[in-house]
PDB file of N, CA and C in Angstrom:
ATOM      1  N   MET A   1      20.519 -14.747  -3.946  1.00  0.00           N
ATOM      2  CA  MET A   1      19.337 -14.788  -4.777  1.00  0.00           C
ATOM      3  C   MET A   1      18.500 -16.002  -4.362  1.00  0.00           C
ATOM      4  N   ALA A   2      17.196 -15.812  -4.235  1.00  0.00           N
ATOM      5  CA  ALA A   2      16.273 -16.893  -3.865  1.00  0.00           C
ATOM      6  C   ALA A   2      15.633 -17.486  -5.112  1.00  0.00           C
ATOM      7  N   THR A   3      15.384 -18.778  -5.072  1.00  0.00           N
ATOM      8  CA  THR A   3      14.675 -19.461  -6.150  1.00  0.00           C
ATOM      9  C   THR A   3      13.220 -19.599  -5.749  1.00  0.00           C
ATOM     10  N   VAL A   4      12.307 -19.114  -6.569  1.00  0.00           N
ATOM     11  CA  VAL A   4      10.872 -19.223  -6.288  1.00  0.00           C
ATOM     12  C   VAL A   4      10.468 -20.675  -6.512  1.00  0.00           C
ATOM     13  N   THR A   5       9.785 -21.246  -5.511  1.00  0.00           N
ATOM     14  CA  THR A   5       9.475 -22.677  -5.531  1.00  0.00           C
ATOM     15  C   THR A   5       8.073 -23.005  -6.032  1.00  0.00           C
ATOM     16  N   VAL A   6       7.211 -21.998  -6.187  1.00  0.00           N
ATOM     17  CA  VAL A   6       5.834 -22.224  -6.654  1.00  0.00           C
ATOM     18  C   VAL A   6       5.422 -21.106  -7.604  1.00  0.00           C
ATOM     19  N   ARG A   7       4.366 -21.351  -8.392  1.00  0.00           N
ATOM     20  CA  ARG A   7       3.801 -20.286  -9.247  1.00  0.00           C
ATOM     21  C   ARG A   7       2.963 -19.368  -8.379  1.00  0.00           C
ATOM     22  N   LEU A   8       3.151 -18.061  -8.572  1.00  0.00           N
ATOM     23  CA  LEU A   8       2.423 -17.081  -7.775  1.00  0.00           C
ATOM     24  C   LEU A   8       1.712 -16.086  -8.680  1.00  0.00           C
ATOM     25  N   PRO A   9       0.568 -15.569  -8.224  1.00  0.00           N
ATOM     26  CA  PRO A   9      -0.095 -14.510  -8.987  1.00  0.00           C
ATOM     27  C   PRO A   9       0.792 -13.253  -9.022  1.00  0.00           C
ATOM     28  N   ILE A  10       0.623 -12.446 -10.016  1.00  0.00           N
ATOM     29  CA  ILE A  10       1.373 -11.196 -10.146  1.00  0.00           C
ATOM     30  C   ILE A  10       1.140 -10.343  -8.903  1.00  0.00           C
ATOM     31  N   GLY A  11       2.211  -9.778  -8.391  1.00  0.00           N
ATOM     32  CA  GLY A  11       2.121  -8.881  -7.242  1.00  0.00           C
ATOM     33  C   GLY A  11       2.278  -9.555  -5.889  1.00  0.00           C
ATOM     34  N   HIS A  12       2.287 -10.890  -5.844  1.00  0.00           N
ATOM     35  CA  HIS A  12       2.463 -11.563  -4.559  1.00  0.00           C
ATOM     36  C   HIS A  12       3.920 -11.515  -4.137  1.00  0.00           C
ATOM     37  N   LYS A  13       4.158 -11.607  -2.839  1.00  0.00           N
ATOM     38  CA  LYS A  13       5.502 -11.465  -2.289  1.00  0.00           C
ATOM     39  C   LYS A  13       6.204 -12.816  -2.163  1.00  0.00           C
ATOM     40  N   VAL A  14       7.538 -12.781  -2.285  1.00  0.00           N
ATOM     41  CA  VAL A  14       8.400 -13.953  -2.160  1.00  0.00           C
ATOM     42  C   VAL A  14       9.523 -13.570  -1.198  1.00  0.00           C
ATOM     43  N   ALA A  15       9.891 -14.492  -0.302  1.00  0.00           N
ATOM     44  CA  ALA A  15      10.987 -14.226   0.631  1.00  0.00           C
ATOM     45  C   ALA A  15      12.316 -14.230  -0.117  1.00  0.00           C
ATOM     46  N   ALA A  16      13.058 -13.135  -0.024  1.00  0.00           N
ATOM     47  CA  ALA A  16      14.372 -13.043  -0.663  1.00  0.00           C
ATOM     48  C   ALA A  16      15.429 -13.790   0.142  1.00  0.00           C
ATOM     49  N   ARG A  17      15.125 -14.050   1.414  1.00  0.00           N
ATOM     50  CA  ARG A  17      16.017 -14.789   2.315  1.00  0.00           C
ATOM     51  C   ARG A  17      15.155 -15.499   3.350  1.00  0.00           C
ATOM     52  N   ALA A  18      15.747 -16.383   4.128  1.00  0.00           N
ATOM     53  CA  ALA A  18      15.010 -17.063   5.194  1.00  0.00           C
ATOM     54  C   ALA A  18      14.555 -16.039   6.232  1.00  0.00           C
ATOM     55  N   ILE A  19      13.334 -16.214   6.733  1.00  0.00           N
ATOM     56  CA  ILE A  19      12.747 -15.310   7.722  1.00  0.00           C
ATOM     57  C   ILE A  19      12.307 -16.154   8.910  1.00  0.00           C
ATOM     58  N   ALA A  20      12.703 -15.759  10.101  1.00  0.00           N
ATOM     59  CA  ALA A  20      12.340 -16.490  11.317  1.00  0.00           C
ATOM     60  C   ALA A  20      10.938 -16.123  11.773  1.00  0.00           C
ATOM     61  N   ALA A  21      10.269 -17.049  12.458  1.00  0.00           N
ATOM     62  CA  ALA A  21       8.958 -16.763  13.056  1.00  0.00           C
ATOM     63  C   ALA A  21       9.100 -15.573  14.002  1.00  0.00           C
ATOM     64  N   GLY A  22       8.172 -14.629  13.907  1.00  0.00           N
ATOM     65  CA  GLY A  22       8.197 -13.432  14.742  1.00  0.00           C
ATOM     66  C   GLY A  22       8.969 -12.272  14.151  1.00  0.00           C
ATOM     67  N   GLU A  23       9.754 -12.532  13.109  1.00  0.00           N
ATOM     68  CA  GLU A  23      10.547 -11.472  12.480  1.00  0.00           C
ATOM     69  C   GLU A  23       9.638 -10.563  11.652  1.00  0.00           C
ATOM     70  N   LYS A  24       9.979  -9.278  11.613  1.00  0.00           N
ATOM     71  CA  LYS A  24       9.218  -8.317  10.813  1.00  0.00           C
ATOM     72  C   LYS A  24       9.396  -8.606   9.330  1.00  0.00           C
ATOM     73  N   ILE A  25       8.317  -8.480   8.564  1.00  0.00           N
ATOM     74  CA  ILE A  25       8.340  -8.615   7.105  1.00  0.00           C
ATOM     75  C   ILE A  25       8.412  -7.206   6.537  1.00  0.00           C
ATOM     76  N   LEU A  26       9.387  -6.965   5.684  1.00  0.00           N
ATOM     77  CA  LEU A  26       9.558  -5.650   5.067  1.00  0.00           C
ATOM     78  C   LEU A  26       9.183  -5.709   3.596  1.00  0.00           C
ATOM     79  N   LYS A  27       8.485  -4.688   3.132  1.00  0.00           N
ATOM     80  CA  LYS A  27       8.170  -4.525   1.714  1.00  0.00           C
ATOM     81  C   LYS A  27       8.630  -3.124   1.345  1.00  0.00           C
ATOM     82  N   TYR A  28       9.566  -3.030   0.419  1.00  0.00           N
ATOM     83  CA  TYR A  28      10.172  -1.755   0.035  1.00  0.00           C
ATOM     84  C   TYR A  28      10.733  -1.027   1.258  1.00  0.00           C
ATOM     85  N   GLY A  29      11.269  -1.804   2.222  1.00  0.00           N
ATOM     86  CA  GLY A  29      11.894  -1.231   3.406  1.00  0.00           C
ATOM     87  C   GLY A  29      10.954  -0.873   4.541  1.00  0.00           C
ATOM     88  N   ALA A  30       9.655  -0.998   4.334  1.00  0.00           N
ATOM     89  CA  ALA A  30       8.675  -0.657   5.377  1.00  0.00           C
ATOM     90  C   ALA A  30       8.087  -1.935   5.974  1.00  0.00           C
ATOM     91  N   PRO A  31       7.939  -2.018   7.305  1.00  0.00           N
ATOM     92  CA  PRO A  31       7.351  -3.210   7.915  1.00  0.00           C
ATOM     93  C   PRO A  31       5.870  -3.333   7.572  1.00  0.00           C
ATOM     94  N   ILE A  32       5.459  -4.520   7.147  1.00  0.00           N
ATOM     95  CA  ILE A  32       4.049  -4.754   6.812  1.00  0.00           C
ATOM     96  C   ILE A  32       3.425  -5.825   7.688  1.00  0.00           C
ATOM     97  N   GLY A  33       4.236  -6.517   8.494  1.00  0.00           N
ATOM     98  CA  GLY A  33       3.697  -7.563   9.357  1.00  0.00           C
ATOM     99  C   GLY A  33       4.811  -8.360   9.983  1.00  0.00           C
ATOM    100  N   SER A  34       4.422  -9.451  10.652  1.00  0.00           N
ATOM    101  CA  SER A  34       5.363 -10.350  11.316  1.00  0.00           C
ATOM    102  C   SER A  34       5.128 -11.771  10.851  1.00  0.00           C
ATOM    103  N   ALA A  35       6.198 -12.514  10.665  1.00  0.00           N
ATOM    104  CA  ALA A  35       6.088 -13.917  10.251  1.00  0.00           C
ATOM    105  C   ALA A  35       5.465 -14.732  11.379  1.00  0.00           C
ATOM    106  N   THR A  36       4.466 -15.531  11.067  1.00  0.00           N
ATOM    107  CA  THR A  36       3.824 -16.389  12.063  1.00  0.00           C
ATOM    108  C   THR A  36       4.460 -17.763  12.111  1.00  0.00           C
ATOM    109  N   ALA A  37       5.346 -18.053  11.164  1.00  0.00           N
ATOM    110  CA  ALA A  37       6.054 -19.330  11.070  1.00  0.00           C
ATOM    111  C   ALA A  37       7.344 -19.058  10.310  1.00  0.00           C
ATOM    112  N   PRO A  38       8.331 -19.945  10.421  1.00  0.00           N
ATOM    113  CA  PRO A  38       9.537 -19.752   9.605  1.00  0.00           C
ATOM    114  C   PRO A  38       9.180 -19.753   8.120  1.00  0.00           C
ATOM    115  N   ILE A  39       9.829 -18.878   7.349  1.00  0.00           N
ATOM    116  CA  ILE A  39       9.598 -18.773   5.909  1.00  0.00           C
ATOM    117  C   ILE A  39      10.933 -18.975   5.212  1.00  0.00           C
ATOM    118  N   ALA A  40      11.008 -19.954   4.336  1.00  0.00           N
ATOM    119  CA  ALA A  40      12.250 -20.248   3.621  1.00  0.00           C
ATOM    120  C   ALA A  40      12.464 -19.255   2.484  1.00  0.00           C
ATOM    121  N   ALA A  41      13.703 -19.044   2.101  1.00  0.00           N
ATOM    122  CA  ALA A  41      14.014 -18.202   0.947  1.00  0.00           C
ATOM    123  C   ALA A  41      13.302 -18.773  -0.265  1.00  0.00           C
ATOM    124  N   GLY A  42      12.619 -17.919  -1.036  1.00  0.00           N
ATOM    125  CA  GLY A  42      11.883 -18.349  -2.221  1.00  0.00           C
ATOM    126  C   GLY A  42      10.448 -18.748  -1.948  1.00  0.00           C
ATOM    127  N   GLU A  43      10.056 -18.802  -0.674  1.00  0.00           N
ATOM    128  CA  GLU A  43       8.687 -19.217  -0.319  1.00  0.00           C
ATOM    129  C   GLU A  43       7.712 -18.047  -0.456  1.00  0.00           C
ATOM    130  N   HIS A  44       6.462 -18.373  -0.745  1.00  0.00           N
ATOM    131  CA  HIS A  44       5.371 -17.412  -0.844  1.00  0.00           C
ATOM    132  C   HIS A  44       5.165 -16.745   0.522  1.00  0.00           C
ATOM    133  N   VAL A  45       5.101 -15.433   0.538  1.00  0.00           N
ATOM    134  CA  VAL A  45       4.863 -14.658   1.758  1.00  0.00           C
ATOM    135  C   VAL A  45       3.472 -14.051   1.622  1.00  0.00           C
ATOM    136  N   HIS A  46       2.541 -14.550   2.430  1.00  0.00           N
ATOM    137  CA  HIS A  46       1.145 -14.112   2.298  1.00  0.00           C
ATOM    138  C   HIS A  46       0.421 -14.318   3.628  1.00  0.00           C
ATOM    139  N   THR A  47      -0.875 -14.256   3.623  1.00  0.00           N
ATOM    140  CA  THR A  47      -1.663 -14.311   4.859  1.00  0.00           C
ATOM    141  C   THR A  47      -1.553 -15.627   5.618  1.00  0.00           C
ATOM    142  N   HIS A  48      -1.088 -16.685   4.974  1.00  0.00           N
ATOM    143  CA  HIS A  48      -0.951 -17.966   5.673  1.00  0.00           C
ATOM    144  C   HIS A  48       0.287 -18.016   6.560  1.00  0.00           C
ATOM    145  N   ASN A  49       1.234 -17.080   6.377  1.00  0.00           N
ATOM    146  CA  ASN A  49       2.440 -17.097   7.197  1.00  0.00           C
ATOM    147  C   ASN A  49       2.870 -15.702   7.674  1.00  0.00           C
ATOM    148  N   VAL A  50       1.975 -14.724   7.547  1.00  0.00           N
ATOM    149  CA  VAL A  50       2.245 -13.362   8.006  1.00  0.00           C
ATOM    150  C   VAL A  50       1.025 -12.829   8.735  1.00  0.00           C
ATOM    151  N   GLN A  51       1.275 -12.160   9.859  1.00  0.00           N
ATOM    152  CA  GLN A  51       0.218 -11.459  10.588  1.00  0.00           C
ATOM    153  C   GLN A  51       0.435  -9.974  10.382  1.00  0.00           C
ATOM    154  N   SER A  52      -0.605  -9.272   9.977  1.00  0.00           N
ATOM    155  CA  SER A  52      -0.496  -7.833   9.797  1.00  0.00           C
ATOM    156  C   SER A  52      -0.214  -7.162  11.129  1.00  0.00           C
ATOM    157  N   ASP A  53       0.636  -6.157  11.120  1.00  0.00           N
ATOM    158  CA  ASP A  53       0.875  -5.363  12.320  1.00  0.00           C
ATOM    159  C   ASP A  53      -0.103  -4.194  12.400  1.00  0.00           C
ATOM    160  N   TYR A  54      -0.961  -4.062  11.415  1.00  0.00           N
ATOM    161  CA  TYR A  54      -1.892  -2.935  11.360  1.00  0.00           C
ATOM    162  C   TYR A  54      -3.317  -3.351  11.639  1.00  0.00           C
ATOM    163  N   LEU A  55      -3.764  -4.429  11.043  1.00  0.00           N
ATOM    164  CA  LEU A  55      -5.071  -5.008  11.347  1.00  0.00           C
ATOM    165  C   LEU A  55      -4.821  -6.373  11.966  1.00  0.00           C
ATOM    166  N   PRO A  56      -5.677  -6.826  12.872  1.00  0.00           N
ATOM    167  CA  PRO A  56      -5.432  -8.102  13.533  1.00  0.00           C
ATOM    168  C   PRO A  56      -5.451  -9.294  12.591  1.00  0.00           C
ATOM    169  N   THR A  57      -6.140  -9.191  11.496  1.00  0.00           N
ATOM    170  CA  THR A  57      -6.214 -10.300  10.550  1.00  0.00           C
ATOM    171  C   THR A  57      -6.814  -9.807   9.251  1.00  0.00           C
ATOM    172  N   VAL A  58      -6.673 -10.586   8.190  1.00  0.00           N
ATOM    173  CA  VAL A  58      -7.284 -10.220   6.930  1.00  0.00           C
ATOM    174  C   VAL A  58      -8.647 -10.876   6.763  1.00  0.00           C
ATOM    175  N   LEU A  59      -9.055 -11.696   7.710  1.00  0.00           N
ATOM    176  CA  LEU A  59     -10.365 -12.340   7.611  1.00  0.00           C
ATOM    177  C   LEU A  59     -11.466 -11.322   7.868  1.00  0.00           C
ATOM    178  N   ARG A  60     -12.435 -11.285   6.992  1.00  0.00           N
ATOM    179  CA  ARG A  60     -13.490 -10.276   7.104  1.00  0.00           C
ATOM    180  C   ARG A  60     -14.237 -10.334   8.429  1.00  0.00           C
ATOM    181  N   GLU A  61     -14.520 -11.549   8.927  1.00  0.00           N
ATOM    182  CA  GLU A  61     -15.280 -11.631  10.178  1.00  0.00           C
ATOM    183  C   GLU A  61     -14.491 -11.032  11.344  1.00  0.00           C
ATOM    184  N   ASN A  62     -13.172 -11.155  11.341  1.00  0.00           N
ATOM    185  CA  ASN A  62     -12.378 -10.565  12.405  1.00  0.00           C
ATOM    186  C   ASN A  62     -12.168  -9.072  12.187  1.00  0.00           C
ATOM    187  N   GLN A  63     -12.146  -8.612  10.944  1.00  0.00           N
ATOM    188  CA  GLN A  63     -12.050  -7.180  10.695  1.00  0.00           C
ATOM    189  C   GLN A  63     -13.292  -6.482  11.231  1.00  0.00           C
ATOM    190  N   ALA A  64     -14.463  -7.075  11.021  1.00  0.00           N
ATOM    191  CA  ALA A  64     -15.703  -6.488  11.539  1.00  0.00           C
ATOM    192  C   ALA A  64     -15.634  -6.379  13.059  1.00  0.00           C
ATOM    193  N   ARG A  65     -15.148  -7.431  13.725  1.00  0.00           N
ATOM    194  CA  ARG A  65     -14.996  -7.408  15.182  1.00  0.00           C
ATOM    195  C   ARG A  65     -13.997  -6.327  15.598  1.00  0.00           C
ATOM    196  N   TYR A  66     -12.907  -6.189  14.833  1.00  0.00           N
ATOM    197  CA  TYR A  66     -11.883  -5.195  15.147  1.00  0.00           C
ATOM    198  C   TYR A  66     -12.469  -3.786  15.099  1.00  0.00           C
ATOM    199  N   PHE A  67     -13.164  -3.457  14.006  1.00  0.00           N
ATOM    200  CA  PHE A  67     -13.711  -2.110  13.858  1.00  0.00           C
ATOM    201  C   PHE A  67     -14.869  -1.837  14.815  1.00  0.00           C
ATOM    202  N   ALA A  68     -15.486  -2.898  15.322  1.00  0.00           N
ATOM    203  CA  ALA A  68     -16.537  -2.731  16.321  1.00  0.00           C
ATOM    204  C   ALA A  68     -15.938  -2.610  17.728  1.00  0.00           C
ATOM    205  N   GLY A  69     -14.619  -2.724  17.836  1.00  0.00           N
ATOM    206  CA  GLY A  69     -13.950  -2.591  19.129  1.00  0.00           C
ATOM    207  C   GLY A  69     -13.989  -3.852  19.962  1.00  0.00           C
ATOM    208  N   GLU A  70     -14.279  -5.000  19.340  1.00  0.00           N
ATOM    209  CA  GLU A  70     -14.421  -6.261  20.073  1.00  0.00           C
ATOM    210  C   GLU A  70     -13.201  -7.161  19.959  1.00  0.00           C
ATOM    211  N   TYR A  71     -12.161  -6.724  19.262  1.00  0.00           N
ATOM    212  CA  TYR A  71     -11.018  -7.590  18.982  1.00  0.00           C
ATOM    213  C   TYR A  71      -9.784  -7.026  19.658  1.00  0.00           C
ATOM    214  N   GLU A  72      -9.065  -7.861  20.409  1.00  0.00           N
ATOM    215  CA  GLU A  72      -7.809  -7.441  21.023  1.00  0.00           C
ATOM    216  C   GLU A  72      -6.659  -8.016  20.217  1.00  0.00           C
ATOM    217  N   HIS A  73      -5.723  -7.170  19.829  1.00  0.00           N
ATOM    218  CA  HIS A  73      -4.577  -7.596  19.019  1.00  0.00           C
ATOM    219  C   HIS A  73      -3.690  -8.542  19.826  1.00  0.00           C
ATOM    220  N   GLN A  74      -3.266  -9.642  19.214  1.00  0.00           N
ATOM    221  CA  GLN A  74      -2.366 -10.601  19.848  1.00  0.00           C
ATOM    222  C   GLN A  74      -0.977 -10.424  19.242  1.00  0.00           C
ATOM    223  N   GLU A  75       0.035 -10.301  20.068  1.00  0.00           N
ATOM    224  CA  GLU A  75       1.404 -10.181  19.591  1.00  0.00           C
ATOM    225  C   GLU A  75       1.893 -11.530  19.075  1.00  0.00           C
ATOM    226  N   VAL A  76       2.691 -11.513  18.012  1.00  0.00           N
ATOM    227  CA  VAL A  76       3.312 -12.735  17.486  1.00  0.00           C
ATOM    228  C   VAL A  76       4.534 -13.015  18.338  1.00  0.00           C
ATOM    229  N   ARG A  77       4.646 -14.231  18.806  1.00  0.00           N
ATOM    230  CA  ARG A  77       5.808 -14.622  19.612  1.00  0.00           C
ATOM    231  C   ARG A  77       6.468 -15.813  18.952  1.00  0.00           C
ATOM    232  N   SER A  78       7.797 -15.802  18.923  1.00  0.00           N
ATOM    233  CA  SER A  78       8.514 -16.928  18.303  1.00  0.00           C
ATOM    234  C   SER A  78       8.877 -17.961  19.343  1.00  0.00           C
TER     235      SER A  78
END
Protein backbone atom coordinates (compact mmCIF):
# COMPACT_ATOMS: atom_id res chain seq x y z
CA MET A 1 0.00 0.00 0.00
CA ALA A 2 1.32 3.47 -0.92
CA THR A 3 0.98 6.55 1.28
CA VAL A 4 -0.16 9.65 -0.62
CA THR A 5 2.32 12.44 0.14
CA VAL A 6 0.37 15.48 -1.14
CA ARG A 7 -3.24 16.70 -1.50
CA LEU A 8 -4.59 15.96 -4.96
CA PRO A 9 -7.72 17.00 -6.83
CA ILE A 10 -10.38 14.31 -7.21
CA GLY A 11 -9.62 11.96 -10.09
CA HIS A 12 -5.86 12.53 -10.19
CA LYS A 13 -3.58 9.50 -10.28
CA VAL A 14 -1.19 8.29 -7.55
CA ALA A 15 1.60 5.73 -7.99
CA ALA A 16 0.68 2.52 -6.15
CA ARG A 17 4.35 1.47 -6.34
CA ALA A 18 7.68 2.93 -7.47
CA ILE A 19 7.83 3.47 -11.25
CA ALA A 20 11.10 3.73 -13.18
CA ALA A 21 11.75 6.39 -15.83
CA GLY A 22 10.62 5.03 -19.20
CA GLU A 23 8.25 2.48 -17.66
CA LYS A 24 4.69 2.32 -18.97
CA ILE A 25 2.00 3.90 -16.76
CA LEU A 26 -1.12 1.76 -16.48
CA LYS A 27 -4.60 2.99 -15.56
CA TYR A 28 -7.15 0.21 -15.03
CA GLY A 29 -4.66 -2.13 -16.73
CA ALA A 30 -4.36 -0.08 -19.94
CA PRO A 31 -1.17 1.85 -20.83
CA ILE A 32 -1.72 5.61 -20.84
CA GLY A 33 1.86 6.86 -21.12
CA SER A 34 5.48 6.50 -20.04
CA ALA A 35 7.21 7.89 -16.97
CA THR A 36 9.60 10.71 -17.88
CA ALA A 37 11.32 10.51 -14.48
CA PRO A 38 11.35 8.07 -11.56
CA ILE A 39 8.05 8.21 -9.62
CA ALA A 40 7.98 7.16 -5.97
CA ALA A 41 5.12 5.14 -4.48
CA GLY A 42 2.44 7.60 -3.33
CA GLU A 43 3.64 10.37 -5.67
CA HIS A 44 1.31 12.35 -7.95
CA VAL A 45 1.28 10.89 -11.49
CA HIS A 46 0.45 13.64 -13.97
CA THR A 47 1.78 15.63 -16.93
CA HIS A 48 4.91 16.73 -15.07
CA ASN A 49 6.23 13.15 -14.92
CA VAL A 50 4.33 11.27 -17.66
CA GLN A 51 4.49 11.53 -21.44
CA SER A 52 1.39 10.44 -23.31
CA ASP A 53 1.91 7.56 -25.71
CA TYR A 54 -1.00 8.84 -27.79
CA LEU A 55 -0.40 12.57 -28.16
CA PRO A 56 3.11 14.03 -28.05
CA THR A 57 2.21 16.36 -25.21
CA VAL A 58 -0.70 17.90 -23.36
CA LEU A 59 0.46 21.44 -24.12
CA ARG A 60 -1.97 23.12 -26.47
CA GLU A 61 0.71 24.74 -28.63
CA ASN A 62 2.30 21.34 -29.30
CA GLN A 63 -1.07 19.67 -29.91
CA ALA A 64 -1.76 22.23 -32.64
CA ARG A 65 1.64 21.42 -34.21
CA TYR A 66 0.89 17.68 -33.91
CA PHE A 67 -2.48 17.90 -35.69
CA ALA A 68 -0.95 20.13 -38.36
CA GLY A 69 1.59 17.36 -39.04
CA GLU A 70 4.55 19.44 -37.83
CA TYR A 71 5.42 17.45 -34.70
CA GLU A 72 7.54 14.29 -34.58
CA HIS A 73 6.94 12.03 -31.58
CA GLN A 74 10.01 11.53 -29.36
CA GLU A 75 10.43 8.19 -27.58
CA VAL A 76 11.02 8.28 -23.81
CA ARG A 77 14.36 6.73 -22.94
CA SER A 78 15.55 5.87 -19.45
